Amino acid sequence: MTVDRKTTMPKVDLPPETQGLRLCKVIHGRLAMCEGVRFPGGAPAVDTVLRRAAISGRVGPVGETGDYWADLLDANGDWFDTVALGRDAWNSLKNHWMRCKVESADGR
């Protein structure tokens, strides 16, 4: 992760094939995943959304998870990598920047 000197906000080094995000979290030992959201602007649009979420909480680095993270999606909507998120950044994405429905990974 690098810092953009113009805004001093962290910049996540996203792979160029990034086209969207799928939010994921572990709640009481259960995996909950949101529906995938694809951005027409590709990686620059995903970077913008993550930078906005970074105002609220921790974003990055790419390739890591925790209790909250986002799957990076390619043009086909397939997962290929992850980016770690703090709880506040996850909530900011979910409720403000990319509203989406949460679905349990085990179908409940």
PDB file of N, CA and C in Angstrom:
ATOM      1  N   MET A   1       0.847  -1.168   0.000  1.00  0.00           N
ATOM      2  CA  MET A   1       0.000   0.000   0.000  1.00  0.00           C
ATOM      3  C   MET A   1       0.895   1.234   0.000  1.00  0.00           C
ATOM      4  N   THR A   2       0.548   2.203  -0.809  1.00  0.00           N
ATOM      5  CA  THR A   2       1.284   3.455  -0.867  1.00  0.00           C
ATOM      6  C   THR A   2       0.362   4.585  -0.454  1.00  0.00           C
ATOM      7  N   VAL A   3       0.934   5.752  -0.206  1.00  0.00           N
ATOM      8  CA  VAL A   3       0.143   6.921   0.168  1.00  0.00           C
ATOM      9  C   VAL A   3       0.188   7.917  -0.972  1.00  0.00           C
ATOM     10  N   ASP A   4      -0.975   8.345  -1.406  1.00  0.00           N
ATOM     11  CA  ASP A   4      -1.090   9.353  -2.451  1.00  0.00           C
ATOM     12  C   ASP A   4      -0.780  10.709  -1.810  1.00  0.00           C
ATOM     13  N   ARG A   5       0.240  11.380  -2.277  1.00  0.00           N
ATOM     14  CA  ARG A   5       0.672  12.624  -1.648  1.00  0.00           C
ATOM     15  C   ARG A   5      -0.343  13.756  -1.791  1.00  0.00           C
ATOM     16  N   LYS A   6      -1.216  13.710  -2.787  1.00  0.00           N
ATOM     17  CA  LYS A   6      -2.210  14.760  -2.964  1.00  0.00           C
ATOM     18  C   LYS A   6      -3.289  14.707  -1.889  1.00  0.00           C
ATOM     19  N   THR A   7      -3.689  13.511  -1.494  1.00  0.00           N
ATOM     20  CA  THR A   7      -4.794  13.381  -0.550  1.00  0.00           C
ATOM     21  C   THR A   7      -4.380  12.781   0.787  1.00  0.00           C
ATOM     22  N   THR A   8      -3.188  12.219   0.883  1.00  0.00           N
ATOM     23  CA  THR A   8      -2.675  11.494   2.047  1.00  0.00           C
ATOM     24  C   THR A   8      -3.553  10.310   2.422  1.00  0.00           C
ATOM     25  N   MET A   9      -4.432   9.876   1.519  1.00  0.00           N
ATOM     26  CA  MET A   9      -5.221   8.677   1.750  1.00  0.00           C
ATOM     27  C   MET A   9      -4.464   7.480   1.209  1.00  0.00           C
ATOM     28  N   PRO A  10      -4.572   6.325   1.873  1.00  0.00           N
ATOM     29  CA  PRO A  10      -3.880   5.150   1.364  1.00  0.00           C
ATOM     30  C   PRO A  10      -4.397   4.750  -0.010  1.00  0.00           C
ATOM     31  N   LYS A  11      -3.497   4.331  -0.865  1.00  0.00           N
ATOM     32  CA  LYS A  11      -3.863   3.856  -2.195  1.00  0.00           C
ATOM     33  C   LYS A  11      -3.541   2.372  -2.252  1.00  0.00           C
ATOM     34  N   VAL A  12      -4.534   1.580  -2.593  1.00  0.00           N
ATOM     35  CA  VAL A  12      -4.351   0.144  -2.705  1.00  0.00           C
ATOM     36  C   VAL A  12      -3.892  -0.156  -4.124  1.00  0.00           C
ATOM     37  N   ASP A  13      -2.824  -0.928  -4.258  1.00  0.00           N
ATOM     38  CA  ASP A  13      -2.304  -1.289  -5.583  1.00  0.00           C
ATOM     39  C   ASP A  13      -3.124  -2.450  -6.144  1.00  0.00           C
ATOM     40  N   LEU A  14      -4.160  -2.105  -6.908  1.00  0.00           N
ATOM     41  CA  LEU A  14      -5.055  -3.111  -7.461  1.00  0.00           C
ATOM     42  C   LEU A  14      -4.508  -3.681  -8.756  1.00  0.00           C
ATOM     43  N   PRO A  15      -4.719  -4.966  -8.986  1.00  0.00           N
ATOM     44  CA  PRO A  15      -4.367  -5.541 -10.283  1.00  0.00           C
ATOM     45  C   PRO A  15      -5.220  -4.883 -11.376  1.00  0.00           C
ATOM     46  N   PRO A  16      -4.686  -4.698 -12.575  1.00  0.00           N
ATOM     47  CA  PRO A  16      -5.416  -4.008 -13.638  1.00  0.00           C
ATOM     48  C   PRO A  16      -6.676  -4.733 -14.097  1.00  0.00           C
ATOM     49  N   GLU A  17      -6.779  -6.047 -13.868  1.00  0.00           N
ATOM     50  CA  GLU A  17      -7.964  -6.787 -14.305  1.00  0.00           C
ATOM     51  C   GLU A  17      -9.156  -6.639 -13.356  1.00  0.00           C
ATOM     52  N   THR A  18      -8.990  -5.887 -12.258  1.00  0.00           N
ATOM     53  CA  THR A  18     -10.067  -5.687 -11.291  1.00  0.00           C
ATOM     54  C   THR A  18     -11.227  -4.925 -11.922  1.00  0.00           C
ATOM     55  N   GLN A  19     -12.417  -5.504 -11.831  1.00  0.00           N
ATOM     56  CA  GLN A  19     -13.620  -4.881 -12.375  1.00  0.00           C
ATOM     57  C   GLN A  19     -14.712  -4.686 -11.334  1.00  0.00           C
ATOM     58  N   GLY A  20     -14.580  -5.324 -10.165  1.00  0.00           N
ATOM     59  CA  GLY A  20     -15.626  -5.221  -9.161  1.00  0.00           C
ATOM     60  C   GLY A  20     -15.197  -5.771  -7.821  1.00  0.00           C
ATOM     61  N   LEU A  21     -16.143  -5.733  -6.869  1.00  0.00           N
ATOM     62  CA  LEU A  21     -15.900  -6.187  -5.500  1.00  0.00           C
ATOM     63  C   LEU A  21     -17.064  -7.030  -5.011  1.00  0.00           C
ATOM     64  N   ARG A  22     -16.764  -7.949  -4.097  1.00  0.00           N
ATOM     65  CA  ARG A  22     -17.790  -8.676  -3.360  1.00  0.00           C
ATOM     66  C   ARG A  22     -17.375  -8.610  -1.894  1.00  0.00           C
ATOM     67  N   LEU A  23     -18.197  -8.005  -1.054  1.00  0.00           N
ATOM     68  CA  LEU A  23     -17.893  -7.868   0.363  1.00  0.00           C
ATOM     69  C   LEU A  23     -18.133  -9.192   1.086  1.00  0.00           C
ATOM     70  N   CYS A  24     -17.232  -9.514   2.013  1.00  0.00           N
ATOM     71  CA  CYS A  24     -17.317 -10.752   2.792  1.00  0.00           C
ATOM     72  C   CYS A  24     -16.965 -10.445   4.240  1.00  0.00           C
ATOM     73  N   LYS A  25     -17.565 -11.208   5.155  1.00  0.00           N
ATOM     74  CA  LYS A  25     -17.203 -11.089   6.568  1.00  0.00           C
ATOM     75  C   LYS A  25     -17.533 -12.381   7.282  1.00  0.00           C
ATOM     76  N   VAL A  26     -16.892 -12.575   8.416  1.00  0.00           N
ATOM     77  CA  VAL A  26     -17.149 -13.735   9.264  1.00  0.00           C
ATOM     78  C   VAL A  26     -17.889 -13.228  10.495  1.00  0.00           C
ATOM     79  N   ILE A  27     -19.101 -13.781  10.708  1.00  0.00           N
ATOM     80  CA  ILE A  27     -19.923 -13.402  11.856  1.00  0.00           C
ATOM     81  C   ILE A  27     -20.193 -14.660  12.668  1.00  0.00           C
ATOM     82  N   HIS A  28     -19.749 -14.669  13.919  1.00  0.00           N
ATOM     83  CA  HIS A  28     -19.968 -15.818  14.806  1.00  0.00           C
ATOM     84  C   HIS A  28     -19.573 -17.127  14.132  1.00  0.00           C
ATOM     85  N   GLY A  29     -18.442 -17.114  13.447  1.00  0.00           N
ATOM     86  CA  GLY A  29     -17.935 -18.314  12.816  1.00  0.00           C
ATOM     87  C   GLY A  29     -18.571 -18.668  11.479  1.00  0.00           C
ATOM     88  N   ARG A  30     -19.489 -17.850  10.996  1.00  0.00           N
ATOM     89  CA  ARG A  30     -20.152 -18.098   9.708  1.00  0.00           C
ATOM     90  C   ARG A  30     -19.717 -17.059   8.690  1.00  0.00           C
ATOM     91  N   LEU A  31     -19.501 -17.526   7.487  1.00  0.00           N
ATOM     92  CA  LEU A  31     -19.127 -16.644   6.387  1.00  0.00           C
ATOM     93  C   LEU A  31     -20.382 -16.028   5.775  1.00  0.00           C
ATOM     94  N   ALA A  32     -20.396 -14.702   5.670  1.00  0.00           N
ATOM     95  CA  ALA A  32     -21.477 -13.977   4.996  1.00  0.00           C
ATOM     96  C   ALA A  32     -20.851 -13.212   3.834  1.00  0.00           C
ATOM     97  N   MET A  33     -21.481 -13.327   2.671  1.00  0.00           N
ATOM     98  CA  MET A  33     -20.965 -12.673   1.473  1.00  0.00           C
ATOM     99  C   MET A  33     -22.080 -11.840   0.848  1.00  0.00           C
ATOM    100  N   CYS A  34     -21.695 -10.707   0.277  1.00  0.00           N
ATOM    101  CA  CYS A  34     -22.646  -9.874  -0.446  1.00  0.00           C
ATOM    102  C   CYS A  34     -22.642 -10.272  -1.912  1.00  0.00           C
ATOM    103  N   GLU A  35     -23.658  -9.838  -2.608  1.00  0.00           N
ATOM    104  CA  GLU A  35     -23.666 -10.036  -4.050  1.00  0.00           C
ATOM    105  C   GLU A  35     -22.523  -9.215  -4.651  1.00  0.00           C
ATOM    106  N   GLY A  36     -21.954  -9.681  -5.736  1.00  0.00           N
ATOM    107  CA  GLY A  36     -20.862  -8.965  -6.385  1.00  0.00           C
ATOM    108  C   GLY A  36     -21.344  -7.697  -7.065  1.00  0.00           C
ATOM    109  N   VAL A  37     -20.515  -6.669  -7.023  1.00  0.00           N
ATOM    110  CA  VAL A  37     -20.824  -5.397  -7.683  1.00  0.00           C
ATOM    111  C   VAL A  37     -19.711  -5.106  -8.673  1.00  0.00           C
ATOM    112  N   ARG A  38     -20.068  -4.977  -9.946  1.00  0.00           N
ATOM    113  CA  ARG A  38     -19.086  -4.650 -10.991  1.00  0.00           C
ATOM    114  C   ARG A  38     -19.197  -3.172 -11.329  1.00  0.00           C
ATOM    115  N   PHE A  39     -18.050  -2.549 -11.555  1.00  0.00           N
ATOM    116  CA  PHE A  39     -17.978  -1.120 -11.855  1.00  0.00           C
ATOM    117  C   PHE A  39     -17.599  -0.921 -13.316  1.00  0.00           C
ATOM    118  N   PRO A  40     -18.398  -0.147 -14.076  1.00  0.00           N
ATOM    119  CA  PRO A  40     -18.095   0.071 -15.494  1.00  0.00           C
ATOM    120  C   PRO A  40     -16.728   0.703 -15.724  1.00  0.00           C
ATOM    121  N   GLY A  41     -16.227   1.452 -14.758  1.00  0.00           N
ATOM    122  CA  GLY A  41     -14.941   2.118 -14.901  1.00  0.00           C
ATOM    123  C   GLY A  41     -13.741   1.235 -14.622  1.00  0.00           C
ATOM    124  N   GLY A  42     -13.966  -0.027 -14.261  1.00  0.00           N
ATOM    125  CA  GLY A  42     -12.872  -0.959 -14.025  1.00  0.00           C
ATOM    126  C   GLY A  42     -12.055  -0.641 -12.788  1.00  0.00           C
ATOM    127  N   ALA A  43     -10.769  -0.956 -12.860  1.00  0.00           N
ATOM    128  CA  ALA A  43      -9.868  -0.807 -11.707  1.00  0.00           C
ATOM    129  C   ALA A  43      -9.819   0.627 -11.159  1.00  0.00           C
ATOM    130  N   PRO A  44      -9.800   1.677 -12.013  1.00  0.00           N
ATOM    131  CA  PRO A  44      -9.803   3.033 -11.450  1.00  0.00           C
ATOM    132  C   PRO A  44     -11.058   3.327 -10.621  1.00  0.00           C
ATOM    133  N   ALA A  45     -12.205   2.808 -11.048  1.00  0.00           N
ATOM    134  CA  ALA A  45     -13.443   3.024 -10.291  1.00  0.00           C
ATOM    135  C   ALA A  45     -13.413   2.269  -8.966  1.00  0.00           C
ATOM    136  N   VAL A  46     -12.903   1.038  -8.979  1.00  0.00           N
ATOM    137  CA  VAL A  46     -12.783   0.250  -7.750  1.00  0.00           C
ATOM    138  C   VAL A  46     -11.823   0.953  -6.792  1.00  0.00           C
ATOM    139  N   ASP A  47     -10.717   1.472  -7.321  1.00  0.00           N
ATOM    140  CA  ASP A  47      -9.751   2.206  -6.499  1.00  0.00           C
ATOM    141  C   ASP A  47     -10.409   3.414  -5.849  1.00  0.00           C
ATOM    142  N   THR A  48     -11.229   4.137  -6.599  1.00  0.00           N
ATOM    143  CA  THR A  48     -11.916   5.314  -6.060  1.00  0.00           C
ATOM    144  C   THR A  48     -12.833   4.927  -4.912  1.00  0.00           C
ATOM    145  N   VAL A  49     -13.600   3.863  -5.085  1.00  0.00           N
ATOM    146  CA  VAL A  49     -14.518   3.412  -4.036  1.00  0.00           C
ATOM    147  C   VAL A  49     -13.745   2.981  -2.791  1.00  0.00           C
ATOM    148  N   LEU A  50     -12.648   2.263  -2.968  1.00  0.00           N
ATOM    149  CA  LEU A  50     -11.845   1.841  -1.820  1.00  0.00           C
ATOM    150  C   LEU A  50     -11.203   3.034  -1.113  1.00  0.00           C
ATOM    151  N   ARG A  51     -10.805   4.037  -1.883  1.00  0.00           N
ATOM    152  CA  ARG A  51     -10.230   5.241  -1.261  1.00  0.00           C
ATOM    153  C   ARG A  51     -11.279   5.991  -0.441  1.00  0.00           C
ATOM    154  N   ARG A  52     -12.519   5.992  -0.919  1.00  0.00           N
ATOM    155  CA  ARG A  52     -13.603   6.616  -0.155  1.00  0.00           C
ATOM    156  C   ARG A  52     -13.858   5.840   1.133  1.00  0.00           C
ATOM    157  N   ALA A  53     -13.815   4.521   1.058  1.00  0.00           N
ATOM    158  CA  ALA A  53     -14.005   3.701   2.256  1.00  0.00           C
ATOM    159  C   ALA A  53     -12.863   3.889   3.245  1.00  0.00           C
ATOM    160  N   ALA A  54     -11.673   4.193   2.737  1.00  0.00           N
ATOM    161  CA  ALA A  54     -10.506   4.385   3.606  1.00  0.00           C
ATOM    162  C   ALA A  54     -10.664   5.596   4.520  1.00  0.00           C
ATOM    163  N   ILE A  55     -11.557   6.511   4.173  1.00  0.00           N
ATOM    164  CA  ILE A  55     -11.835   7.647   5.055  1.00  0.00           C
ATOM    165  C   ILE A  55     -12.445   7.140   6.360  1.00  0.00           C
ATOM    166  N   SER A  56     -13.234   6.075   6.271  1.00  0.00           N
ATOM    167  CA  SER A  56     -13.924   5.528   7.442  1.00  0.00           C
ATOM    168  C   SER A  56     -13.107   4.510   8.215  1.00  0.00           C
ATOM    169  N   GLY A  57     -12.212   3.803   7.541  1.00  0.00           N
ATOM    170  CA  GLY A  57     -11.471   2.752   8.230  1.00  0.00           C
ATOM    171  C   GLY A  57     -10.356   2.183   7.380  1.00  0.00           C
ATOM    172  N   ARG A  58      -9.800   1.076   7.833  1.00  0.00           N
ATOM    173  CA  ARG A  58      -8.627   0.457   7.209  1.00  0.00           C
ATOM    174  C   ARG A  58      -9.005  -0.244   5.909  1.00  0.00           C
ATOM    175  N   VAL A  59      -8.192  -0.019   4.882  1.00  0.00           N
ATOM    176  CA  VAL A  59      -8.339  -0.690   3.595  1.00  0.00           C
ATOM    177  C   VAL A  59      -6.964  -1.186   3.172  1.00  0.00           C
ATOM    178  N   GLY A  60      -6.854  -2.484   2.865  1.00  0.00           N
ATOM    179  CA  GLY A  60      -5.607  -3.040   2.364  1.00  0.00           C
ATOM    180  C   GLY A  60      -4.854  -3.760   3.451  1.00  0.00           C
ATOM    181  N   PRO A  61      -3.873  -4.468   3.049  1.00  0.00           N
ATOM    182  CA  PRO A  61      -3.298  -4.618   1.715  1.00  0.00           C
ATOM    183  C   PRO A  61      -4.011  -5.694   0.894  1.00  0.00           C
ATOM    184  N   VAL A  62      -3.705  -5.692  -0.401  1.00  0.00           N
ATOM    185  CA  VAL A  62      -4.233  -6.705  -1.306  1.00  0.00           C
ATOM    186  C   VAL A  62      -3.631  -8.053  -0.929  1.00  0.00           C
ATOM    187  N   GLY A  63      -4.431  -9.097  -1.000  1.00  0.00           N
ATOM    188  CA  GLY A  63      -3.952 -10.444  -0.714  1.00  0.00           C
ATOM    189  C   GLY A  63      -4.163 -10.888   0.712  1.00  0.00           C
ATOM    190  N   GLU A  64      -4.759 -10.055   1.536  1.00  0.00           N
ATOM    191  CA  GLU A  64      -4.987 -10.422   2.933  1.00  0.00           C
ATOM    192  C   GLU A  64      -6.466 -10.366   3.263  1.00  0.00           C
ATOM    193  N   THR A  65      -6.844 -11.091   4.319  1.00  0.00           N
ATOM    194  CA  THR A  65      -8.210 -11.063   4.827  1.00  0.00           C
ATOM    195  C   THR A  65      -8.155 -10.908   6.330  1.00  0.00           C
ATOM    196  N   GLY A  66      -9.261 -10.966   6.948  1.00  0.00           N
ATOM    197  CA  GLY A  66      -9.413 -10.908   8.392  1.00  0.00           C
ATOM    198  C   GLY A  66     -10.867 -11.272   8.639  1.00  0.00           C
ATOM    199  N   ASP A  67     -11.528 -10.586   9.549  1.00  0.00           N
ATOM    200  CA  ASP A  67     -12.961 -10.804   9.726  1.00  0.00           C
ATOM    201  C   ASP A  67     -13.763 -10.079   8.647  1.00  0.00           C
ATOM    202  N   TYR A  68     -13.177  -9.049   8.029  1.00  0.00           N
ATOM    203  CA  TYR A  68     -13.844  -8.270   6.982  1.00  0.00           C
ATOM    204  C   TYR A  68     -12.892  -8.134   5.802  1.00  0.00           C
ATOM    205  N   TRP A  69     -13.388  -8.383   4.591  1.00  0.00           N
ATOM    206  CA  TRP A  69     -12.565  -8.224   3.406  1.00  0.00           C
ATOM    207  C   TRP A  69     -13.459  -8.080   2.179  1.00  0.00           C
ATOM    208  N   ALA A  70     -12.839  -7.788   1.057  1.00  0.00           N
ATOM    209  CA  ALA A  70     -13.549  -7.742  -0.219  1.00  0.00           C
ATOM    210  C   ALA A  70     -12.817  -8.636  -1.203  1.00  0.00           C
ATOM    211  N   ASP A  71     -13.591  -9.456  -1.915  1.00  0.00           N
ATOM    212  CA  ASP A  71     -13.031 -10.225  -3.018  1.00  0.00           C
ATOM    213  C   ASP A  71     -12.928  -9.303  -4.222  1.00  0.00           C
ATOM    214  N   LEU A  72     -11.808  -9.369  -4.924  1.00  0.00           N
ATOM    215  CA  LEU A  72     -11.657  -8.618  -6.170  1.00  0.00           C
ATOM    216  C   LEU A  72     -12.207  -9.479  -7.301  1.00  0.00           C
ATOM    217  N   LEU A  73     -13.027  -8.892  -8.156  1.00  0.00           N
ATOM    218  CA  LEU A  73     -13.674  -9.619  -9.239  1.00  0.00           C
ATOM    219  C   LEU A  73     -13.141  -9.163 -10.591  1.00  0.00           C
ATOM    220  N   ASP A  74     -13.044 -10.116 -11.524  1.00  0.00           N
ATOM    221  CA  ASP A  74     -12.615  -9.774 -12.886  1.00  0.00           C
ATOM    222  C   ASP A  74     -13.846  -9.470 -13.746  1.00  0.00           C
ATOM    223  N   ALA A  75     -13.658  -9.297 -15.050  1.00  0.00           N
ATOM    224  CA  ALA A  75     -14.740  -8.919 -15.958  1.00  0.00           C
ATOM    225  C   ALA A  75     -15.853  -9.961 -16.022  1.00  0.00           C
ATOM    226  N   ASN A  76     -15.537 -11.217 -15.719  1.00  0.00           N
ATOM    227  CA  ASN A  76     -16.540 -12.284 -15.721  1.00  0.00           C
ATOM    228  C   ASN A  76     -17.254 -12.420 -14.379  1.00  0.00           C
ATOM    229  N   GLY A  77     -16.860 -11.622 -13.404  1.00  0.00           N
ATOM    230  CA  GLY A  77     -17.439 -11.713 -12.063  1.00  0.00           C
ATOM    231  C   GLY A  77     -16.803 -12.795 -11.223  1.00  0.00           C
ATOM    232  N   ASP A  78     -15.658 -13.316 -11.666  1.00  0.00           N
ATOM    233  CA  ASP A  78     -14.951 -14.363 -10.927  1.00  0.00           C
ATOM    234  C   ASP A  78     -13.963 -13.754  -9.940  1.00  0.00           C
ATOM    235  N   TRP A  79     -13.882 -14.359  -8.760  1.00  0.00           N
ATOM    236  CA  TRP A  79     -12.951 -13.918  -7.722  1.00  0.00           C
ATOM    237  C   TRP A  79     -11.534 -14.311  -8.105  1.00  0.00           C
ATOM    238  N   PHE A  80     -10.570 -13.399  -7.883  1.00  0.00           N
ATOM    239  CA  PHE A  80      -9.172 -13.755  -8.138  1.00  0.00           C
ATOM    240  C   PHE A  80      -8.217 -13.268  -7.062  1.00  0.00           C
ATOM    241  N   ASP A  81      -8.638 -12.388  -6.166  1.00  0.00           N
ATOM    242  CA  ASP A  81      -7.771 -11.924  -5.078  1.00  0.00           C
ATOM    243  C   ASP A  81      -8.647 -11.266  -4.021  1.00  0.00           C
ATOM    244  N   THR A  82      -8.042 -10.823  -2.923  1.00  0.00           N
ATOM    245  CA  THR A  82      -8.785 -10.187  -1.838  1.00  0.00           C
ATOM    246  C   THR A  82      -8.088  -8.902  -1.411  1.00  0.00           C
ATOM    247  N   VAL A  83      -8.826  -8.061  -0.701  1.00  0.00           N
ATOM    248  CA  VAL A  83      -8.255  -6.881  -0.051  1.00  0.00           C
ATOM    249  C   VAL A  83      -8.865  -6.810   1.342  1.00  0.00           C
ATOM    250  N   ALA A  84      -8.005  -6.646   2.348  1.00  0.00           N
ATOM    251  CA  ALA A  84      -8.459  -6.598   3.738  1.00  0.00           C
ATOM    252  C   ALA A  84      -9.189  -5.284   4.007  1.00  0.00           C
ATOM    253  N   LEU A  85     -10.185  -5.353   4.894  1.00  0.00           N
ATOM    254  CA  LEU A  85     -10.955  -4.169   5.284  1.00  0.00           C
ATOM    255  C   LEU A  85     -11.132  -4.154   6.792  1.00  0.00           C
ATOM    256  N   GLY A  86     -11.194  -2.969   7.350  1.00  0.00           N
ATOM    257  CA  GLY A  86     -11.613  -2.818   8.730  1.00  0.00           C
ATOM    258  C   GLY A  86     -13.136  -2.806   8.774  1.00  0.00           C
ATOM    259  N   ARG A  87     -13.705  -3.007   9.955  1.00  0.00           N
ATOM    260  CA  ARG A  87     -15.163  -3.052  10.083  1.00  0.00           C
ATOM    261  C   ARG A  87     -15.826  -1.771   9.600  1.00  0.00           C
ATOM    262  N   ASP A  88     -15.264  -0.614   9.951  1.00  0.00           N
ATOM    263  CA  ASP A  88     -15.873   0.660   9.553  1.00  0.00           C
ATOM    264  C   ASP A  88     -15.792   0.876   8.046  1.00  0.00           C
ATOM    265  N   ALA A  89     -14.684   0.483   7.418  1.00  0.00           N
ATOM    266  CA  ALA A  89     -14.568   0.597   5.962  1.00  0.00           C
ATOM    267  C   ALA A  89     -15.558  -0.342   5.285  1.00  0.00           C
ATOM    268  N   TRP A  90     -15.707  -1.570   5.812  1.00  0.00           N
ATOM    269  CA  TRP A  90     -16.665  -2.534   5.267  1.00  0.00           C
ATOM    270  C   TRP A  90     -18.077  -1.959   5.318  1.00  0.00           C
ATOM    271  N   ASN A  91     -18.450  -1.399   6.483  1.00  0.00           N
ATOM    272  CA  ASN A  91     -19.780  -0.810   6.641  1.00  0.00           C
ATOM    273  C   ASN A  91     -19.991   0.374   5.708  1.00  0.00           C
ATOM    274  N   SER A  92     -18.965   1.179   5.510  1.00  0.00           N
ATOM    275  CA  SER A  92     -19.062   2.312   4.593  1.00  0.00           C
ATOM    276  C   SER A  92     -19.325   1.841   3.169  1.00  0.00           C
ATOM    277  N   LEU A  93     -18.612   0.812   2.740  1.00  0.00           N
ATOM    278  CA  LEU A  93     -18.847   0.257   1.409  1.00  0.00           C
ATOM    279  C   LEU A  93     -20.250  -0.324   1.299  1.00  0.00           C
ATOM    280  N   LYS A  94     -20.637  -1.127   2.255  1.00  0.00           N
ATOM    281  CA  LYS A  94     -21.916  -1.830   2.221  1.00  0.00           C
ATOM    282  C   LYS A  94     -23.099  -0.870   2.236  1.00  0.00           C
ATOM    283  N   ASN A  95     -23.035   0.154   3.082  1.00  0.00           N
ATOM    284  CA  ASN A  95     -24.195   1.010   3.304  1.00  0.00           C
ATOM    285  C   ASN A  95     -24.189   2.312   2.512  1.00  0.00           C
ATOM    286  N   HIS A  96     -23.054   2.656   1.904  1.00  0.00           N
ATOM    287  CA  HIS A  96     -23.000   3.950   1.225  1.00  0.00           C
ATOM    288  C   HIS A  96     -22.477   3.868  -0.207  1.00  0.00           C
ATOM    289  N   TRP A  97     -21.323   3.266  -0.411  1.00  0.00           N
ATOM    290  CA  TRP A  97     -20.648   3.354  -1.711  1.00  0.00           C
ATOM    291  C   TRP A  97     -21.025   2.247  -2.692  1.00  0.00           C
ATOM    292  N   MET A  98     -21.452   1.104  -2.204  1.00  0.00           N
ATOM    293  CA  MET A  98     -21.847   0.018  -3.118  1.00  0.00           C
ATOM    294  C   MET A  98     -22.920  -0.839  -2.465  1.00  0.00           C
ATOM    295  N   ARG A  99     -24.071  -0.243  -2.258  1.00  0.00           N
ATOM    296  CA  ARG A  99     -25.164  -0.929  -1.573  1.00  0.00           C
ATOM    297  C   ARG A  99     -25.451  -2.286  -2.234  1.00  0.00           C
ATOM    298  N   CYS A 100     -25.502  -3.312  -1.395  1.00  0.00           N
ATOM    299  CA  CYS A 100     -25.711  -4.666  -1.901  1.00  0.00           C
ATOM    300  C   CYS A 100     -26.327  -5.516  -0.799  1.00  0.00           C
ATOM    301  N   LYS A 101     -26.918  -6.636  -1.194  1.00  0.00           N
ATOM    302  CA  LYS A 101     -27.553  -7.548  -0.248  1.00  0.00           C
ATOM    303  C   LYS A 101     -26.535  -8.531   0.310  1.00  0.00           C
ATOM    304  N   VAL A 102     -26.643  -8.812   1.603  1.00  0.00           N
ATOM    305  CA  VAL A 102     -25.795  -9.806   2.241  1.00  0.00           C
ATOM    306  C   VAL A 102     -26.476 -11.160   2.146  1.00  0.00           C
ATOM    307  N   GLU A 103     -25.712 -12.147   1.731  1.00  0.00           N
ATOM    308  CA  GLU A 103     -26.204 -13.520   1.632  1.00  0.00           C
ATOM    309  C   GLU A 103     -25.261 -14.413   2.405  1.00  0.00           C
ATOM    310  N   SER A 104     -25.795 -15.353   3.140  1.00  0.00           N
ATOM    311  CA  SER A 104     -24.966 -16.297   3.867  1.00  0.00           C
ATOM    312  C   SER A 104     -24.338 -17.270   2.881  1.00  0.00           C
ATOM    313  N   ALA A 105     -23.093 -17.592   3.083  1.00  0.00           N
ATOM    314  CA  ALA A 105     -22.386 -18.503   2.173  1.00  0.00           C
ATOM    315  C   ALA A 105     -22.932 -19.923   2.280  1.00  0.00           C
ATOM    316  N   ASP A 106     -23.552 -20.267   3.416  1.00  0.00           N
ATOM    317  CA  ASP A 106     -24.071 -21.623   3.571  1.00  0.00           C
ATOM    318  C   ASP A 106     -25.567 -21.716   3.250  1.00  0.00           C
ATOM    319  N   GLY A 107     -26.140 -20.659   2.648  1.00  0.00           N
ATOM    320  CA  GLY A 107     -27.534 -20.689   2.205  1.00  0.00           C
ATOM    321  C   GLY A 107     -28.572 -20.401   3.265  1.00  0.00           C
ATOM    322  N   ARG A 108     -28.172 -19.927   4.424  1.00  0.00           N
ATOM    323  CA  ARG A 108     -29.141 -19.637   5.501  1.00  0.00           C
ATOM    324  C   ARG A 108     -29.539 -18.185   5.497  1.00  0.00           C
TER     325      ARG A 108
END
